[in-house]
Amino acid sequence: MQTGSRDNLAQIIQDGSRWLVSGAMTVAQMNALLAESAALAAADQVEIDLKAVLDVDTTAISLLFEWLRQAYTRKSKVVFSNLPQNLTSLATLYGVLELIPQSTH
């Protein structure tokens, strides 16, 4: 449920080669998330942890694929962990879940 509060603001915190994404991954937050991710240091492999994501819409799937595209361009690898159930459901609905590399831990 969206409350419209500051709690839904998106944020990325870098912890070594791990990005911790929190807040909403919705159309209203996409530009902020893209800008934050562009400012982060790139590693050979990045794990993007979505455990603290509160809300998603279909633009979240686009963002995941944009991060994959950017990693491919840098010749690095991205894996996603802790996909929220609503994001998994959307990716399944669109038939792209198997295209999203997920961490096995």
PDB file of N, CA and C in Angstrom:
ATOM      1  N   MET A   1       0.832  -1.176   0.000  1.00  0.00           N
ATOM      2  CA  MET A   1       0.000   0.000   0.000  1.00  0.00           C
ATOM      3  C   MET A   1       0.876   1.238   0.000  1.00  0.00           C
ATOM      4  N   GLN A   2       0.570   2.165  -0.881  1.00  0.00           N
ATOM      5  CA  GLN A   2       1.320   3.406  -0.913  1.00  0.00           C
ATOM      6  C   GLN A   2       0.710   4.389   0.063  1.00  0.00           C
ATOM      7  N   THR A   3       1.542   5.026   0.844  1.00  0.00           N
ATOM      8  CA  THR A   3       1.059   5.997   1.809  1.00  0.00           C
ATOM      9  C   THR A   3       1.359   7.422   1.392  1.00  0.00           C
ATOM     10  N   GLY A   4       2.246   7.559   0.416  1.00  0.00           N
ATOM     11  CA  GLY A   4       2.632   8.893  -0.011  1.00  0.00           C
ATOM     12  C   GLY A   4       3.617   9.559   0.947  1.00  0.00           C
ATOM     13  N   SER A   5       4.066   8.836   1.941  1.00  0.00           N
ATOM     14  CA  SER A   5       4.985   9.397   2.924  1.00  0.00           C
ATOM     15  C   SER A   5       6.417   9.329   2.414  1.00  0.00           C
ATOM     16  N   ARG A   6       7.306   9.917   3.174  1.00  0.00           N
ATOM     17  CA  ARG A   6       8.721   9.891   2.814  1.00  0.00           C
ATOM     18  C   ARG A   6       9.278   8.477   2.856  1.00  0.00           C
ATOM     19  N   ASP A   7       8.594   7.551   3.539  1.00  0.00           N
ATOM     20  CA  ASP A   7       9.060   6.171   3.615  1.00  0.00           C
ATOM     21  C   ASP A   7       9.117   5.500   2.254  1.00  0.00           C
ATOM     22  N   ASN A   8       8.347   5.996   1.298  1.00  0.00           N
ATOM     23  CA  ASN A   8       8.328   5.398  -0.033  1.00  0.00           C
ATOM     24  C   ASN A   8       9.414   5.949  -0.945  1.00  0.00           C
ATOM     25  N   LEU A   9      10.171   6.943  -0.490  1.00  0.00           N
ATOM     26  CA  LEU A   9      11.241   7.475  -1.311  1.00  0.00           C
ATOM     27  C   LEU A   9      12.297   6.402  -1.524  1.00  0.00           C
ATOM     28  N   ALA A  10      12.750   6.309  -2.729  1.00  0.00           N
ATOM     29  CA  ALA A  10      13.732   5.288  -3.085  1.00  0.00           C
ATOM     30  C   ALA A  10      15.133   5.745  -2.692  1.00  0.00           C
ATOM     31  N   GLN A  11      15.947   4.743  -2.364  1.00  0.00           N
ATOM     32  CA  GLN A  11      17.329   5.023  -1.993  1.00  0.00           C
ATOM     33  C   GLN A  11      18.172   3.793  -2.303  1.00  0.00           C
ATOM     34  N   ILE A  12      19.414   4.035  -2.680  1.00  0.00           N
ATOM     35  CA  ILE A  12      20.374   2.948  -2.876  1.00  0.00           C
ATOM     36  C   ILE A  12      21.579   3.234  -1.990  1.00  0.00           C
ATOM     37  N   ILE A  13      21.936   2.265  -1.186  1.00  0.00           N
ATOM     38  CA  ILE A  13      23.133   2.367  -0.352  1.00  0.00           C
ATOM     39  C   ILE A  13      24.116   1.315  -0.845  1.00  0.00           C
ATOM     40  N   GLN A  14      25.341   1.727  -1.122  1.00  0.00           N
ATOM     41  CA  GLN A  14      26.361   0.788  -1.576  1.00  0.00           C
ATOM     42  C   GLN A  14      27.129   0.248  -0.388  1.00  0.00           C
ATOM     43  N   ASP A  15      27.252  -1.071  -0.346  1.00  0.00           N
ATOM     44  CA  ASP A  15      28.019  -1.763   0.688  1.00  0.00           C
ATOM     45  C   ASP A  15      28.992  -2.681  -0.042  1.00  0.00           C
ATOM     46  N   GLY A  16      30.156  -2.162  -0.381  1.00  0.00           N
ATOM     47  CA  GLY A  16      31.108  -2.908  -1.192  1.00  0.00           C
ATOM     48  C   GLY A  16      30.546  -3.133  -2.584  1.00  0.00           C
ATOM     49  N   SER A  17      30.422  -4.405  -2.980  1.00  0.00           N
ATOM     50  CA  SER A  17      29.889  -4.709  -4.305  1.00  0.00           C
ATOM     51  C   SER A  17      28.383  -5.008  -4.247  1.00  0.00           C
ATOM     52  N   ARG A  18      27.767  -4.597  -3.161  1.00  0.00           N
ATOM     53  CA  ARG A  18      26.337  -4.844  -2.967  1.00  0.00           C
ATOM     54  C   ARG A  18      25.591  -3.520  -2.903  1.00  0.00           C
ATOM     55  N   TRP A  19      24.490  -3.430  -3.662  1.00  0.00           N
ATOM     56  CA  TRP A  19      23.626  -2.262  -3.602  1.00  0.00           C
ATOM     57  C   TRP A  19      22.381  -2.649  -2.826  1.00  0.00           C
ATOM     58  N   LEU A  20      22.042  -1.892  -1.809  1.00  0.00           N
ATOM     59  CA  LEU A  20      20.845  -2.124  -1.016  1.00  0.00           C
ATOM     60  C   LEU A  20      19.794  -1.098  -1.434  1.00  0.00           C
ATOM     61  N   VAL A  21      18.765  -1.571  -2.118  1.00  0.00           N
ATOM     62  CA  VAL A  21      17.716  -0.688  -2.623  1.00  0.00           C
ATOM     63  C   VAL A  21      16.568  -0.693  -1.619  1.00  0.00           C
ATOM     64  N   SER A  22      16.059   0.493  -1.298  1.00  0.00           N
ATOM     65  CA  SER A  22      14.927   0.581  -0.382  1.00  0.00           C
ATOM     66  C   SER A  22      13.916   1.586  -0.905  1.00  0.00           C
ATOM     67  N   GLY A  23      12.710   1.488  -0.365  1.00  0.00           N
ATOM     68  CA  GLY A  23      11.645   2.398  -0.770  1.00  0.00           C
ATOM     69  C   GLY A  23      10.864   1.851  -1.950  1.00  0.00           C
ATOM     70  N   ALA A  24      10.321   2.746  -2.731  1.00  0.00           N
ATOM     71  CA  ALA A  24       9.464   2.378  -3.856  1.00  0.00           C
ATOM     72  C   ALA A  24      10.249   2.334  -5.162  1.00  0.00           C
ATOM     73  N   MET A  25      10.031   1.279  -5.926  1.00  0.00           N
ATOM     74  CA  MET A  25      10.572   1.202  -7.293  1.00  0.00           C
ATOM     75  C   MET A  25       9.383   1.397  -8.237  1.00  0.00           C
ATOM     76  N   THR A  26       8.950   2.654  -8.300  1.00  0.00           N
ATOM     77  CA  THR A  26       7.785   3.010  -9.111  1.00  0.00           C
ATOM     78  C   THR A  26       8.169   4.116 -10.077  1.00  0.00           C
ATOM     79  N   VAL A  27       7.264   4.416 -10.981  1.00  0.00           N
ATOM     80  CA  VAL A  27       7.543   5.431 -11.998  1.00  0.00           C
ATOM     81  C   VAL A  27       7.962   6.757 -11.354  1.00  0.00           C
ATOM     82  N   ALA A  28       7.394   7.092 -10.216  1.00  0.00           N
ATOM     83  CA  ALA A  28       7.730   8.353  -9.546  1.00  0.00           C
ATOM     84  C   ALA A  28       9.172   8.376  -9.034  1.00  0.00           C
ATOM     85  N   GLN A  29       9.771   7.209  -8.820  1.00  0.00           N
ATOM     86  CA  GLN A  29      11.119   7.122  -8.252  1.00  0.00           C
ATOM     87  C   GLN A  29      12.193   6.729  -9.260  1.00  0.00           C
ATOM     88  N   MET A  30      11.825   6.409 -10.483  1.00  0.00           N
ATOM     89  CA  MET A  30      12.785   5.874 -11.456  1.00  0.00           C
ATOM     90  C   MET A  30      13.950   6.810 -11.733  1.00  0.00           C
ATOM     91  N   ASN A  31      13.673   8.076 -11.971  1.00  0.00           N
ATOM     92  CA  ASN A  31      14.772   9.007 -12.273  1.00  0.00           C
ATOM     93  C   ASN A  31      15.747   9.103 -11.115  1.00  0.00           C
ATOM     94  N   ALA A  32      15.226   9.139  -9.885  1.00  0.00           N
ATOM     95  CA  ALA A  32      16.099   9.209  -8.710  1.00  0.00           C
ATOM     96  C   ALA A  32      16.949   7.952  -8.599  1.00  0.00           C
ATOM     97  N   LEU A  33      16.338   6.784  -8.820  1.00  0.00           N
ATOM     98  CA  LEU A  33      17.099   5.530  -8.740  1.00  0.00           C
ATOM     99  C   LEU A  33      18.152   5.439  -9.833  1.00  0.00           C
ATOM    100  N   LEU A  34      17.818   5.860 -11.045  1.00  0.00           N
ATOM    101  CA  LEU A  34      18.805   5.851 -12.129  1.00  0.00           C
ATOM    102  C   LEU A  34      19.971   6.781 -11.812  1.00  0.00           C
ATOM    103  N   ALA A  35      19.676   7.964 -11.298  1.00  0.00           N
ATOM    104  CA  ALA A  35      20.731   8.918 -10.959  1.00  0.00           C
ATOM    105  C   ALA A  35      21.612   8.379  -9.832  1.00  0.00           C
ATOM    106  N   GLU A  36      20.985   7.800  -8.799  1.00  0.00           N
ATOM    107  CA  GLU A  36      21.771   7.245  -7.695  1.00  0.00           C
ATOM    108  C   GLU A  36      22.661   6.110  -8.167  1.00  0.00           C
ATOM    109  N   SER A  37      22.113   5.227  -8.979  1.00  0.00           N
ATOM    110  CA  SER A  37      22.897   4.077  -9.430  1.00  0.00           C
ATOM    111  C   SER A  37      24.050   4.512 -10.328  1.00  0.00           C
ATOM    112  N   ALA A  38      23.855   5.550 -11.119  1.00  0.00           N
ATOM    113  CA  ALA A  38      24.925   6.038 -11.994  1.00  0.00           C
ATOM    114  C   ALA A  38      26.094   6.604 -11.185  1.00  0.00           C
ATOM    115  N   ALA A  39      25.802   7.091  -9.988  1.00  0.00           N
ATOM    116  CA  ALA A  39      26.848   7.688  -9.154  1.00  0.00           C
ATOM    117  C   ALA A  39      27.617   6.649  -8.335  1.00  0.00           C
ATOM    118  N   LEU A  40      27.153   5.403  -8.323  1.00  0.00           N
ATOM    119  CA  LEU A  40      27.805   4.376  -7.522  1.00  0.00           C
ATOM    120  C   LEU A  40      29.009   3.791  -8.254  1.00  0.00           C
ATOM    121  N   ALA A  41      29.976   3.346  -7.480  1.00  0.00           N
ATOM    122  CA  ALA A  41      31.164   2.729  -8.054  1.00  0.00           C
ATOM    123  C   ALA A  41      30.792   1.382  -8.666  1.00  0.00           C
ATOM    124  N   ALA A  42      31.275   1.154  -9.863  1.00  0.00           N
ATOM    125  CA  ALA A  42      31.006  -0.108 -10.550  1.00  0.00           C
ATOM    126  C   ALA A  42      32.051  -1.143 -10.159  1.00  0.00           C
ATOM    127  N   ALA A  43      31.610  -2.354  -9.962  1.00  0.00           N
ATOM    128  CA  ALA A  43      32.512  -3.458  -9.647  1.00  0.00           C
ATOM    129  C   ALA A  43      32.378  -4.504 -10.750  1.00  0.00           C
ATOM    130  N   ASP A  44      33.277  -5.493 -10.743  1.00  0.00           N
ATOM    131  CA  ASP A  44      33.182  -6.572 -11.722  1.00  0.00           C
ATOM    132  C   ASP A  44      31.885  -7.349 -11.567  1.00  0.00           C
ATOM    133  N   GLN A  45      31.416  -7.440 -10.325  1.00  0.00           N
ATOM    134  CA  GLN A  45      30.144  -8.099 -10.053  1.00  0.00           C
ATOM    135  C   GLN A  45      29.409  -7.302  -8.987  1.00  0.00           C
ATOM    136  N   VAL A  46      28.141  -7.065  -9.210  1.00  0.00           N
ATOM    137  CA  VAL A  46      27.318  -6.314  -8.269  1.00  0.00           C
ATOM    138  C   VAL A  46      26.099  -7.151  -7.913  1.00  0.00           C
ATOM    139  N   GLU A  47      25.825  -7.223  -6.624  1.00  0.00           N
ATOM    140  CA  GLU A  47      24.581  -7.831  -6.162  1.00  0.00           C
ATOM    141  C   GLU A  47      23.650  -6.692  -5.786  1.00  0.00           C
ATOM    142  N   ILE A  48      22.459  -6.691  -6.364  1.00  0.00           N
ATOM    143  CA  ILE A  48      21.465  -5.670  -6.058  1.00  0.00           C
ATOM    144  C   ILE A  48      20.399  -6.319  -5.180  1.00  0.00           C
ATOM    145  N   ASP A  49      20.385  -5.914  -3.914  1.00  0.00           N
ATOM    146  CA  ASP A  49      19.496  -6.500  -2.909  1.00  0.00           C
ATOM    147  C   ASP A  49      18.213  -5.664  -2.824  1.00  0.00           C
ATOM    148  N   LEU A  50      17.091  -6.306  -3.094  1.00  0.00           N
ATOM    149  CA  LEU A  50      15.802  -5.613  -3.130  1.00  0.00           C
ATOM    150  C   LEU A  50      14.945  -5.910  -1.901  1.00  0.00           C
ATOM    151  N   LYS A  51      15.560  -6.397  -0.851  1.00  0.00           N
ATOM    152  CA  LYS A  51      14.826  -6.803   0.357  1.00  0.00           C
ATOM    153  C   LYS A  51      13.999  -5.666   0.960  1.00  0.00           C
ATOM    154  N   ALA A  52      14.508  -4.451   0.908  1.00  0.00           N
ATOM    155  CA  ALA A  52      13.831  -3.316   1.546  1.00  0.00           C
ATOM    156  C   ALA A  52      12.935  -2.525   0.594  1.00  0.00           C
ATOM    157  N   VAL A  53      12.661  -3.073  -0.591  1.00  0.00           N
ATOM    158  CA  VAL A  53      11.770  -2.397  -1.534  1.00  0.00           C
ATOM    159  C   VAL A  53      10.334  -2.539  -1.032  1.00  0.00           C
ATOM    160  N   LEU A  54       9.644  -1.421  -0.929  1.00  0.00           N
ATOM    161  CA  LEU A  54       8.297  -1.404  -0.364  1.00  0.00           C
ATOM    162  C   LEU A  54       7.198  -1.545  -1.402  1.00  0.00           C
ATOM    163  N   ASP A  55       7.412  -1.014  -2.595  1.00  0.00           N
ATOM    164  CA  ASP A  55       6.367  -0.993  -3.605  1.00  0.00           C
ATOM    165  C   ASP A  55       7.021  -1.045  -4.982  1.00  0.00           C
ATOM    166  N   VAL A  56       6.355  -1.679  -5.926  1.00  0.00           N
ATOM    167  CA  VAL A  56       6.845  -1.734  -7.306  1.00  0.00           C
ATOM    168  C   VAL A  56       5.691  -1.513  -8.258  1.00  0.00           C
ATOM    169  N   ASP A  57       6.032  -1.108  -9.462  1.00  0.00           N
ATOM    170  CA  ASP A  57       5.104  -1.150 -10.577  1.00  0.00           C
ATOM    171  C   ASP A  57       5.892  -1.667 -11.783  1.00  0.00           C
ATOM    172  N   THR A  58       5.311  -1.655 -12.936  1.00  0.00           N
ATOM    173  CA  THR A  58       5.968  -2.263 -14.098  1.00  0.00           C
ATOM    174  C   THR A  58       7.283  -1.576 -14.467  1.00  0.00           C
ATOM    175  N   THR A  59       7.466  -0.328 -14.063  1.00  0.00           N
ATOM    176  CA  THR A  59       8.734   0.338 -14.378  1.00  0.00           C
ATOM    177  C   THR A  59       9.901  -0.284 -13.615  1.00  0.00           C
ATOM    178  N   ALA A  60       9.625  -0.980 -12.517  1.00  0.00           N
ATOM    179  CA  ALA A  60      10.697  -1.656 -11.778  1.00  0.00           C
ATOM    180  C   ALA A  60      11.371  -2.702 -12.658  1.00  0.00           C
ATOM    181  N   ILE A  61      10.596  -3.401 -13.464  1.00  0.00           N
ATOM    182  CA  ILE A  61      11.167  -4.398 -14.375  1.00  0.00           C
ATOM    183  C   ILE A  61      12.076  -3.707 -15.392  1.00  0.00           C
ATOM    184  N   SER A  62      11.634  -2.579 -15.899  1.00  0.00           N
ATOM    185  CA  SER A  62      12.465  -1.818 -16.838  1.00  0.00           C
ATOM    186  C   SER A  62      13.776  -1.392 -16.192  1.00  0.00           C
ATOM    187  N   LEU A  63      13.718  -1.002 -14.933  1.00  0.00           N
ATOM    188  CA  LEU A  63      14.930  -0.581 -14.233  1.00  0.00           C
ATOM    189  C   LEU A  63      15.899  -1.748 -14.064  1.00  0.00           C
ATOM    190  N   LEU A  64      15.392  -2.926 -13.714  1.00  0.00           N
ATOM    191  CA  LEU A  64      16.267  -4.090 -13.592  1.00  0.00           C
ATOM    192  C   LEU A  64      16.995  -4.349 -14.903  1.00  0.00           C
ATOM    193  N   PHE A  65      16.262  -4.281 -16.018  1.00  0.00           N
ATOM    194  CA  PHE A  65      16.889  -4.530 -17.315  1.00  0.00           C
ATOM    195  C   PHE A  65      17.832  -3.405 -17.720  1.00  0.00           C
ATOM    196  N   GLU A  66      17.564  -2.189 -17.290  1.00  0.00           N
ATOM    197  CA  GLU A  66      18.506  -1.093 -17.549  1.00  0.00           C
ATOM    198  C   GLU A  66      19.804  -1.330 -16.789  1.00  0.00           C
ATOM    199  N   TRP A  67      19.716  -1.772 -15.532  1.00  0.00           N
ATOM    200  CA  TRP A  67      20.930  -2.080 -14.782  1.00  0.00           C
ATOM    201  C   TRP A  67      21.693  -3.233 -15.419  1.00  0.00           C
ATOM    202  N   LEU A  68      20.985  -4.218 -15.934  1.00  0.00           N
ATOM    203  CA  LEU A  68      21.650  -5.323 -16.643  1.00  0.00           C
ATOM    204  C   LEU A  68      22.345  -4.819 -17.903  1.00  0.00           C
ATOM    205  N   ARG A  69      21.683  -3.934 -18.636  1.00  0.00           N
ATOM    206  CA  ARG A  69      22.265  -3.370 -19.861  1.00  0.00           C
ATOM    207  C   ARG A  69      23.527  -2.582 -19.536  1.00  0.00           C
ATOM    208  N   GLN A  70      23.471  -1.766 -18.496  1.00  0.00           N
ATOM    209  CA  GLN A  70      24.638  -0.982 -18.100  1.00  0.00           C
ATOM    210  C   GLN A  70      25.792  -1.893 -17.682  1.00  0.00           C
ATOM    211  N   ALA A  71      25.492  -2.948 -16.965  1.00  0.00           N
ATOM    212  CA  ALA A  71      26.528  -3.900 -16.551  1.00  0.00           C
ATOM    213  C   ALA A  71      27.156  -4.568 -17.767  1.00  0.00           C
ATOM    214  N   TYR A  72      26.348  -4.943 -18.724  1.00  0.00           N
ATOM    215  CA  TYR A  72      26.853  -5.570 -19.946  1.00  0.00           C
ATOM    216  C   TYR A  72      27.813  -4.612 -20.661  1.00  0.00           C
ATOM    217  N   THR A  73      27.434  -3.345 -20.724  1.00  0.00           N
ATOM    218  CA  THR A  73      28.271  -2.327 -21.362  1.00  0.00           C
ATOM    219  C   THR A  73      29.612  -2.190 -20.648  1.00  0.00           C
ATOM    220  N   ARG A  74      29.609  -2.305 -19.306  1.00  0.00           N
ATOM    221  CA  ARG A  74      30.842  -2.204 -18.508  1.00  0.00           C
ATOM    222  C   ARG A  74      31.579  -3.534 -18.413  1.00  0.00           C
ATOM    223  N   LYS A  75      31.013  -4.575 -19.027  1.00  0.00           N
ATOM    224  CA  LYS A  75      31.584  -5.922 -18.953  1.00  0.00           C
ATOM    225  C   LYS A  75      31.651  -6.428 -17.503  1.00  0.00           C
ATOM    226  N   SER A  76      30.593  -6.122 -16.762  1.00  0.00           N
ATOM    227  CA  SER A  76      30.487  -6.616 -15.394  1.00  0.00           C
ATOM    228  C   SER A  76      29.211  -7.453 -15.273  1.00  0.00           C
ATOM    229  N   LYS A  77      29.020  -8.034 -14.113  1.00  0.00           N
ATOM    230  CA  LYS A  77      27.901  -8.939 -13.895  1.00  0.00           C
ATOM    231  C   LYS A  77      27.012  -8.393 -12.785  1.00  0.00           C
ATOM    232  N   VAL A  78      25.704  -8.534 -12.960  1.00  0.00           N
ATOM    233  CA  VAL A  78      24.741  -8.122 -11.948  1.00  0.00           C
ATOM    234  C   VAL A  78      23.871  -9.317 -11.602  1.00  0.00           C
ATOM    235  N   VAL A  79      23.659  -9.513 -10.307  1.00  0.00           N
ATOM    236  CA  VAL A  79      22.670 -10.482  -9.836  1.00  0.00           C
ATOM    237  C   VAL A  79      21.759  -9.757  -8.856  1.00  0.00           C
ATOM    238  N   PHE A  80      20.522 -10.196  -8.799  1.00  0.00           N
ATOM    239  CA  PHE A  80      19.532  -9.595  -7.917  1.00  0.00           C
ATOM    240  C   PHE A  80      19.214 -10.573  -6.796  1.00  0.00           C
ATOM    241  N   SER A  81      18.990 -10.042  -5.607  1.00  0.00           N
ATOM    242  CA  SER A  81      18.611 -10.896  -4.485  1.00  0.00           C
ATOM    243  C   SER A  81      17.376 -10.318  -3.800  1.00  0.00           C
ATOM    244  N   ASN A  82      16.653 -11.205  -3.144  1.00  0.00           N
ATOM    245  CA  ASN A  82      15.482 -10.827  -2.351  1.00  0.00           C
ATOM    246  C   ASN A  82      14.433 -10.060  -3.148  1.00  0.00           C
ATOM    247  N   LEU A  83      14.108 -10.577  -4.337  1.00  0.00           N
ATOM    248  CA  LEU A  83      13.061  -9.944  -5.124  1.00  0.00           C
ATOM    249  C   LEU A  83      11.748  -9.976  -4.350  1.00  0.00           C
ATOM    250  N   PRO A  84      11.073  -8.830  -4.223  1.00  0.00           N
ATOM    251  CA  PRO A  84       9.776  -8.826  -3.555  1.00  0.00           C
ATOM    252  C   PRO A  84       8.766  -9.677  -4.333  1.00  0.00           C
ATOM    253  N   GLN A  85       7.826 -10.250  -3.627  1.00  0.00           N
ATOM    254  CA  GLN A  85       6.839 -11.120  -4.265  1.00  0.00           C
ATOM    255  C   GLN A  85       6.073 -10.407  -5.369  1.00  0.00           C
ATOM    256  N   ASN A  86       5.727  -9.127  -5.146  1.00  0.00           N
ATOM    257  CA  ASN A  86       4.972  -8.412  -6.174  1.00  0.00           C
ATOM    258  C   ASN A  86       5.807  -8.183  -7.440  1.00  0.00           C
ATOM    259  N   LEU A  87       7.100  -8.036  -7.289  1.00  0.00           N
ATOM    260  CA  LEU A  87       7.972  -7.902  -8.460  1.00  0.00           C
ATOM    261  C   LEU A  87       8.112  -9.242  -9.179  1.00  0.00           C
ATOM    262  N   THR A  88       8.248 -10.311  -8.415  1.00  0.00           N
ATOM    263  CA  THR A  88       8.298 -11.651  -8.994  1.00  0.00           C
ATOM    264  C   THR A  88       7.013 -11.951  -9.764  1.00  0.00           C
ATOM    265  N   SER A  89       5.890 -11.563  -9.204  1.00  0.00           N
ATOM    266  CA  SER A  89       4.599 -11.779  -9.870  1.00  0.00           C
ATOM    267  C   SER A  89       4.513 -11.016 -11.181  1.00  0.00           C
ATOM    268  N   LEU A  90       4.953  -9.757 -11.177  1.00  0.00           N
ATOM    269  CA  LEU A  90       4.936  -8.965 -12.415  1.00  0.00           C
ATOM    270  C   LEU A  90       5.864  -9.566 -13.469  1.00  0.00           C
ATOM    271  N   ALA A  91       7.059  -9.950 -13.055  1.00  0.00           N
ATOM    272  CA  ALA A  91       8.019 -10.526 -14.001  1.00  0.00           C
ATOM    273  C   ALA A  91       7.493 -11.845 -14.572  1.00  0.00           C
ATOM    274  N   THR A  92       6.817 -12.620 -13.749  1.00  0.00           N
ATOM    275  CA  THR A  92       6.206 -13.864 -14.224  1.00  0.00           C
ATOM    276  C   THR A  92       5.089 -13.565 -15.206  1.00  0.00           C
ATOM    277  N   LEU A  93       4.251 -12.598 -14.873  1.00  0.00           N
ATOM    278  CA  LEU A  93       3.142 -12.201 -15.750  1.00  0.00           C
ATOM    279  C   LEU A  93       3.647 -11.799 -17.137  1.00  0.00           C
ATOM    280  N   TYR A  94       4.760 -11.062 -17.174  1.00  0.00           N
ATOM    281  CA  TYR A  94       5.325 -10.598 -18.445  1.00  0.00           C
ATOM    282  C   TYR A  94       6.258 -11.617 -19.092  1.00  0.00           C
ATOM    283  N   GLY A  95       6.464 -12.738 -18.432  1.00  0.00           N
ATOM    284  CA  GLY A  95       7.283 -13.796 -19.011  1.00  0.00           C
ATOM    285  C   GLY A  95       8.771 -13.503 -19.032  1.00  0.00           C
ATOM    286  N   VAL A  96       9.259 -12.687 -18.093  1.00  0.00           N
ATOM    287  CA  VAL A  96      10.669 -12.307 -18.102  1.00  0.00           C
ATOM    288  C   VAL A  96      11.418 -12.722 -16.833  1.00  0.00           C
ATOM    289  N   LEU A  97      10.773 -13.428 -15.934  1.00  0.00           N
ATOM    290  CA  LEU A  97      11.423 -13.783 -14.672  1.00  0.00           C
ATOM    291  C   LEU A  97      12.724 -14.549 -14.895  1.00  0.00           C
ATOM    292  N   GLU A  98      12.713 -15.469 -15.866  1.00  0.00           N
ATOM    293  CA  GLU A  98      13.918 -16.274 -16.117  1.00  0.00           C
ATOM    294  C   GLU A  98      15.060 -15.456 -16.734  1.00  0.00           C
ATOM    295  N   LEU A  99      14.777 -14.234 -17.167  1.00  0.00           N
ATOM    296  CA  LEU A  99      15.815 -13.362 -17.726  1.00  0.00           C
ATOM    297  C   LEU A  99      16.487 -12.510 -16.661  1.00  0.00           C
ATOM    298  N   ILE A 100      15.974 -12.570 -15.435  1.00  0.00           N
ATOM    299  CA  ILE A 100      16.513 -11.766 -14.340  1.00  0.00           C
ATOM    300  C   ILE A 100      17.438 -12.653 -13.503  1.00  0.00           C
ATOM    301  N   PRO A 101      18.754 -12.433 -13.575  1.00  0.00           N
ATOM    302  CA  PRO A 101      19.692 -13.272 -12.810  1.00  0.00           C
ATOM    303  C   PRO A 101      19.516 -13.045 -11.314  1.00  0.00           C
ATOM    304  N   GLN A 102      19.301 -14.142 -10.599  1.00  0.00           N
ATOM    305  CA  GLN A 102      19.061 -14.043  -9.161  1.00  0.00           C
ATOM    306  C   GLN A 102      20.145 -14.762  -8.373  1.00  0.00           C
ATOM    307  N   SER A 103      20.480 -14.184  -7.250  1.00  0.00           N
ATOM    308  CA  SER A 103      21.440 -14.776  -6.336  1.00  0.00           C
ATOM    309  C   SER A 103      20.857 -16.040  -5.759  1.00  0.00           C
ATOM    310  N   THR A 104      21.725 -17.020  -5.503  1.00  0.00           N
ATOM    311  CA  THR A 104      21.253 -18.290  -4.957  1.00  0.00           C
ATOM    312  C   THR A 104      21.366 -18.348  -3.451  1.00  0.00           C
ATOM    313  N   HIS A 105      21.867 -17.296  -2.813  1.00  0.00           N
ATOM    314  CA  HIS A 105      21.988 -17.347  -1.343  1.00  0.00           C
ATOM    315  C   HIS A 105      20.840 -16.648  -0.683  1.00  0.00           C
TER     316      HIS A 105
END
